[in-house]
Amino acid sequence: MYLVLFVTVLFIGISIYFYFRAEGLQRTLFNAKREFNSTKKENKSYVDSMALIAKRHEDFAKHRLAQIKANQTEVVEILETITPLINNYSVIFRECLKGKGKLQPITKKCYESYDIEGFKRLVAYISKEEAHIKRMWSSNNLSGYISLIEALLLTAEQTKKS
């Protein structure tokens, strides 16, 4: 009789313990879901912001390229070499956001859709440039890409003036 009473009390005690434990876990799970949804919304806003930034930078770079083309006749070869790099700015920008090592493969893909030999000309052109431009290219990341575009446009602008 005492054994049955003891087993019943033990069963009831364990049941109550697991009930409160499950309630605590359910609360924790609810908080985690809420945090996940909040993080997901925040991530979406960051992605949208980065896409907007990429588009703005692309517009600025295209505008600068158009100005250089309009005012310059001596550096046509340089401009033809870097035009696909600038025309695909936002595509390359977004791909570089995904991680390091994405710049050169996506650039190659963009150049191949434009001109099969274009990527080789770009690499040859960059290899003839100054060391800091080579470092930007070899960094193979987003920061290097943004700096590379600025440096190439600046080089084209300075070639125009001299």
C-alpha atoms as a PDB file:
ATOM      1  CA  MET A   1       0.000   0.000   0.000  1.00  0.00           C
ATOM      2  CA  TYR A   2       2.780   2.395   0.908  1.00  0.00           C
ATOM      3  CA  LEU A   3       4.578   1.357  -2.232  1.00  0.00           C
ATOM      4  CA  VAL A   4       1.589   2.229  -4.424  1.00  0.00           C
ATOM      5  CA  LEU A   5       1.162   5.558  -2.622  1.00  0.00           C
ATOM      6  CA  PHE A   6       4.886   6.284  -2.996  1.00  0.00           C
ATOM      7  CA  VAL A   7       4.857   5.456  -6.723  1.00  0.00           C
ATOM      8  CA  THR A   8       1.734   7.613  -7.212  1.00  0.00           C
ATOM      9  CA  VAL A   9       3.273  10.584  -5.375  1.00  0.00           C
ATOM     10  CA  LEU A  10       6.519  10.108  -7.286  1.00  0.00           C
ATOM     11  CA  PHE A  11       4.628   9.994 -10.591  1.00  0.00           C
ATOM     12  CA  ILE A  12       2.632  13.127  -9.706  1.00  0.00           C
ATOM     13  CA  GLY A  13       5.821  14.929  -8.605  1.00  0.00           C
ATOM     14  CA  ILE A  14       7.644  14.026 -11.820  1.00  0.00           C
ATOM     15  CA  SER A  15       4.609  15.054 -13.889  1.00  0.00           C
ATOM     16  CA  ILE A  16       4.464  18.459 -12.167  1.00  0.00           C
ATOM     17  CA  TYR A  17       8.225  18.907 -12.655  1.00  0.00           C
ATOM     18  CA  PHE A  18       8.016  18.103 -16.373  1.00  0.00           C
ATOM     19  CA  TYR A  19       4.959  20.354 -16.789  1.00  0.00           C
ATOM     20  CA  PHE A  20       6.806  23.391 -15.399  1.00  0.00           C
ATOM     21  CA  ARG A  21       9.943  22.420 -17.291  1.00  0.00           C
ATOM     22  CA  ALA A  22       7.918  22.233 -20.539  1.00  0.00           C
ATOM     23  CA  GLU A  23       6.334  25.627 -19.804  1.00  0.00           C
ATOM     24  CA  GLY A  24       9.803  27.142 -19.343  1.00  0.00           C
ATOM     25  CA  LEU A  25      11.022  25.585 -22.574  1.00  0.00           C
ATOM     26  CA  GLN A  26       7.924  26.810 -24.392  1.00  0.00           C
ATOM     27  CA  ARG A  27       8.571  30.353 -23.163  1.00  0.00           C
ATOM     28  CA  THR A  28      12.204  30.081 -24.260  1.00  0.00           C
ATOM     29  CA  LEU A  29      11.118  28.785 -27.666  1.00  0.00           C
ATOM     30  CA  PHE A  30       8.612  31.620 -28.063  1.00  0.00           C
ATOM     31  CA  ASN A  31      11.306  34.183 -27.227  1.00  0.00           C
ATOM     32  CA  ALA A  32      13.711  32.535 -29.678  1.00  0.00           C
ATOM     33  CA  LYS A  33      11.073  32.638 -32.445  1.00  0.00           C
ATOM     34  CA  ARG A  34      10.382  36.300 -31.753  1.00  0.00           C
ATOM     35  CA  GLU A  35      14.108  37.068 -31.804  1.00  0.00           C
ATOM     36  CA  PHE A  36      14.528  35.086 -35.032  1.00  0.00           C
ATOM     37  CA  ASN A  37      11.719  37.000 -36.739  1.00  0.00           C
ATOM     38  CA  SER A  38      13.183  40.285 -35.560  1.00  0.00           C
ATOM     39  CA  THR A  39      16.624  39.307 -36.849  1.00  0.00           C
ATOM     40  CA  LYS A  40      15.104  38.196 -40.144  1.00  0.00           C
ATOM     41  CA  LYS A  41      13.389  41.595 -40.594  1.00  0.00           C
ATOM     42  CA  GLU A  42      16.591  43.406 -39.679  1.00  0.00           C
ATOM     43  CA  ASN A  43      18.589  41.284 -42.107  1.00  0.00           C
ATOM     44  CA  LYS A  44      16.099  42.048 -44.885  1.00  0.00           C
ATOM     45  CA  SER A  45      16.427  45.769 -44.240  1.00  0.00           C
ATOM     46  CA  TYR A  46      20.237  45.458 -44.338  1.00  0.00           C
ATOM     47  CA  VAL A  47      20.091  43.570 -47.625  1.00  0.00           C
ATOM     48  CA  ASP A  48      17.750  46.191 -49.080  1.00  0.00           C
ATOM     49  CA  SER A  49      20.069  48.954 -47.875  1.00  0.00           C
ATOM     50  CA  MET A  50      23.103  47.270 -49.398  1.00  0.00           C
ATOM     51  CA  ALA A  51      21.251  46.819 -52.702  1.00  0.00           C
ATOM     52  CA  LEU A  52      20.369  50.515 -52.667  1.00  0.00           C
ATOM     53  CA  ILE A  53      23.978  51.445 -51.898  1.00  0.00           C
ATOM     54  CA  ALA A  54      25.189  49.202 -54.720  1.00  0.00           C
ATOM     55  CA  LYS A  55      22.770  50.828 -57.150  1.00  0.00           C
ATOM     56  CA  ARG A  56      23.817  54.343 -56.087  1.00  0.00           C
ATOM     57  CA  HIS A  57      27.503  53.519 -56.421  1.00  0.00           C
ATOM     58  CA  GLU A  58      26.813  51.995 -59.827  1.00  0.00           C
ATOM     59  CA  ASP A  59      25.005  55.146 -60.943  1.00  0.00           C
ATOM     60  CA  PHE A  60      27.872  57.348 -59.755  1.00  0.00           C
ATOM     61  CA  ALA A  61      30.490  55.162 -61.442  1.00  0.00           C
ATOM     62  CA  LYS A  62      28.531  55.037 -64.708  1.00  0.00           C
ATOM     63  CA  HIS A  63      28.107  58.806 -64.636  1.00  0.00           C
ATOM     64  CA  ARG A  64      31.833  59.335 -64.092  1.00  0.00           C
ATOM     65  CA  LEU A  65      32.618  56.868 -66.875  1.00  0.00           C
ATOM     66  CA  ALA A  66      30.248  58.669 -69.235  1.00  0.00           C
ATOM     67  CA  GLN A  67      31.886  62.005 -68.408  1.00  0.00           C
ATOM     68  CA  ILE A  68      35.341  60.601 -69.046  1.00  0.00           C
ATOM     69  CA  LYS A  69      34.194  59.089 -72.356  1.00  0.00           C
ATOM     70  CA  ALA A  70      32.624  62.373 -73.416  1.00  0.00           C
ATOM     71  CA  ASN A  71      35.722  64.423 -72.620  1.00  0.00           C
ATOM     72  CA  GLN A  72      38.391  61.925 -73.552  1.00  0.00           C
ATOM     73  CA  THR A  73      39.548  60.407 -76.790  1.00  0.00           C
ATOM     74  CA  GLU A  74      43.053  59.185 -75.875  1.00  0.00           C
ATOM     75  CA  VAL A  75      42.119  56.512 -73.327  1.00  0.00           C
ATOM     76  CA  VAL A  76      39.485  54.664 -75.343  1.00  0.00           C
ATOM     77  CA  GLU A  77      41.253  51.321 -74.844  1.00  0.00           C
ATOM     78  CA  ILE A  78      41.308  51.754 -71.054  1.00  0.00           C
ATOM     79  CA  LEU A  79      37.663  52.780 -71.010  1.00  0.00           C
ATOM     80  CA  GLU A  80      36.637  49.814 -73.160  1.00  0.00           C
ATOM     81  CA  THR A  81      38.524  47.536 -70.782  1.00  0.00           C
ATOM     82  CA  ILE A  82      36.838  48.800 -67.606  1.00  0.00           C
ATOM     83  CA  THR A  83      33.336  49.456 -69.009  1.00  0.00           C
ATOM     84  CA  PRO A  84      31.953  45.932 -68.282  1.00  0.00           C
ATOM     85  CA  LEU A  85      33.399  46.142 -64.783  1.00  0.00           C
ATOM     86  CA  ILE A  86      31.397  49.308 -64.152  1.00  0.00           C
ATOM     87  CA  ASN A  87      28.271  48.303 -66.076  1.00  0.00           C
ATOM     88  CA  ASN A  88      27.928  45.213 -63.869  1.00  0.00           C
ATOM     89  CA  TYR A  89      28.755  47.112 -60.681  1.00  0.00           C
ATOM     90  CA  SER A  90      25.704  46.136 -58.649  1.00  0.00           C
ATOM     91  CA  VAL A  91      25.875  42.469 -59.717  1.00  0.00           C
ATOM     92  CA  ILE A  92      29.531  42.234 -58.698  1.00  0.00           C
ATOM     93  CA  PHE A  93      28.834  44.238 -55.519  1.00  0.00           C
ATOM     94  CA  ARG A  94      26.064  41.870 -54.416  1.00  0.00           C
ATOM     95  CA  GLU A  95      28.147  38.800 -55.204  1.00  0.00           C
ATOM     96  CA  CYS A  96      31.093  40.201 -53.231  1.00  0.00           C
ATOM     97  CA  LEU A  97      28.766  40.684 -50.249  1.00  0.00           C
ATOM     98  CA  LYS A  98      28.432  36.924 -50.041  1.00  0.00           C
ATOM     99  CA  GLY A  99      32.038  36.527 -48.961  1.00  0.00           C
ATOM    100  CA  LYS A 100      35.695  36.807 -49.783  1.00  0.00           C
ATOM    101  CA  GLY A 101      37.046  35.344 -52.981  1.00  0.00           C
ATOM    102  CA  LYS A 102      34.014  36.245 -55.083  1.00  0.00           C
ATOM    103  CA  LEU A 103      35.323  39.278 -57.005  1.00  0.00           C
ATOM    104  CA  GLN A 104      37.414  37.603 -59.677  1.00  0.00           C
ATOM    105  CA  PRO A 105      35.011  34.723 -60.518  1.00  0.00           C
ATOM    106  CA  ILE A 106      31.965  36.994 -60.895  1.00  0.00           C
ATOM    107  CA  THR A 107      34.011  39.546 -62.825  1.00  0.00           C
ATOM    108  CA  LYS A 108      35.157  36.812 -65.191  1.00  0.00           C
ATOM    109  CA  LYS A 109      31.555  35.692 -65.655  1.00  0.00           C
ATOM    110  CA  CYS A 110      30.404  39.259 -66.395  1.00  0.00           C
ATOM    111  CA  TYR A 111      33.226  39.814 -68.880  1.00  0.00           C
ATOM    112  CA  GLU A 112      32.553  36.517 -70.646  1.00  0.00           C
ATOM    113  CA  SER A 113      28.956  37.581 -71.267  1.00  0.00           C
ATOM    114  CA  TYR A 114      30.299  40.836 -72.742  1.00  0.00           C
ATOM    115  CA  ASP A 115      33.414  39.691 -74.587  1.00  0.00           C
ATOM    116  CA  ILE A 116      35.280  36.393 -74.327  1.00  0.00           C
ATOM    117  CA  GLU A 117      38.724  38.022 -74.384  1.00  0.00           C
ATOM    118  CA  GLY A 118      37.650  40.976 -72.210  1.00  0.00           C
ATOM    119  CA  PHE A 119      38.610  39.417 -68.899  1.00  0.00           C
ATOM    120  CA  LYS A 120      42.104  38.615 -70.160  1.00  0.00           C
ATOM    121  CA  ARG A 121      42.502  42.231 -71.286  1.00  0.00           C
ATOM    122  CA  LEU A 122      41.357  43.442 -67.860  1.00  0.00           C
ATOM    123  CA  VAL A 123      43.835  41.199 -66.050  1.00  0.00           C
ATOM    124  CA  ALA A 124      46.616  42.289 -68.418  1.00  0.00           C
ATOM    125  CA  TYR A 125      45.697  45.931 -67.895  1.00  0.00           C
ATOM    126  CA  ILE A 126      45.675  45.571 -64.108  1.00  0.00           C
ATOM    127  CA  SER A 127      49.009  43.739 -64.173  1.00  0.00           C
ATOM    128  CA  LYS A 128      50.545  46.781 -65.890  1.00  0.00           C
ATOM    129  CA  GLU A 129      49.169  49.196 -63.300  1.00  0.00           C
ATOM    130  CA  GLU A 130      50.706  50.382 -60.043  1.00  0.00           C
ATOM    131  CA  ALA A 131      51.113  48.089 -57.031  1.00  0.00           C
ATOM    132  CA  HIS A 132      48.156  49.490 -55.079  1.00  0.00           C
ATOM    133  CA  ILE A 133      45.765  48.716 -57.953  1.00  0.00           C
ATOM    134  CA  LYS A 134      47.165  45.179 -58.176  1.00  0.00           C
ATOM    135  CA  ARG A 135      46.605  44.765 -54.427  1.00  0.00           C
ATOM    136  CA  MET A 136      43.002  45.936 -54.745  1.00  0.00           C
ATOM    137  CA  TRP A 137      42.387  43.369 -57.473  1.00  0.00           C
ATOM    138  CA  SER A 138      44.146  40.570 -55.633  1.00  0.00           C
ATOM    139  CA  SER A 139      42.252  41.299 -52.397  1.00  0.00           C
ATOM    140  CA  ASN A 140      39.315  39.619 -54.179  1.00  0.00           C
ATOM    141  CA  ASN A 141      36.677  41.139 -51.883  1.00  0.00           C
ATOM    142  CA  LEU A 142      34.095  43.929 -51.762  1.00  0.00           C
ATOM    143  CA  SER A 143      36.364  46.555 -50.264  1.00  0.00           C
ATOM    144  CA  GLY A 144      38.990  45.864 -52.907  1.00  0.00           C
ATOM    145  CA  TYR A 145      36.359  46.084 -55.649  1.00  0.00           C
ATOM    146  CA  ILE A 146      35.025  49.463 -54.532  1.00  0.00           C
ATOM    147  CA  SER A 147      38.565  50.803 -54.213  1.00  0.00           C
ATOM    148  CA  LEU A 148      39.541  49.304 -57.575  1.00  0.00           C
ATOM    149  CA  ILE A 149      36.686  51.025 -59.390  1.00  0.00           C
ATOM    150  CA  GLU A 150      37.578  54.350 -57.795  1.00  0.00           C
ATOM    151  CA  ALA A 151      41.259  53.906 -58.633  1.00  0.00           C
ATOM    152  CA  LEU A 152      40.552  52.917 -62.251  1.00  0.00           C
ATOM    153  CA  LEU A 153      38.220  55.858 -62.784  1.00  0.00           C
ATOM    154  CA  LEU A 154      40.696  58.194 -61.136  1.00  0.00           C
ATOM    155  CA  THR A 155      43.483  56.839 -63.327  1.00  0.00           C
ATOM    156  CA  ALA A 156      41.356  57.398 -66.437  1.00  0.00           C
ATOM    157  CA  GLU A 157      40.513  60.926 -65.295  1.00  0.00           C
ATOM    158  CA  GLN A 158      44.168  61.751 -64.588  1.00  0.00           C
ATOM    159  CA  THR A 159      45.241  60.303 -67.947  1.00  0.00           C
ATOM    160  CA  LYS A 160      42.720  62.672 -69.502  1.00  0.00           C
ATOM    161  CA  LYS A 161      44.298  65.691 -67.820  1.00  0.00           C
ATOM    162  CA  SER A 162      47.884  64.856 -68.728  1.00  0.00           C
END
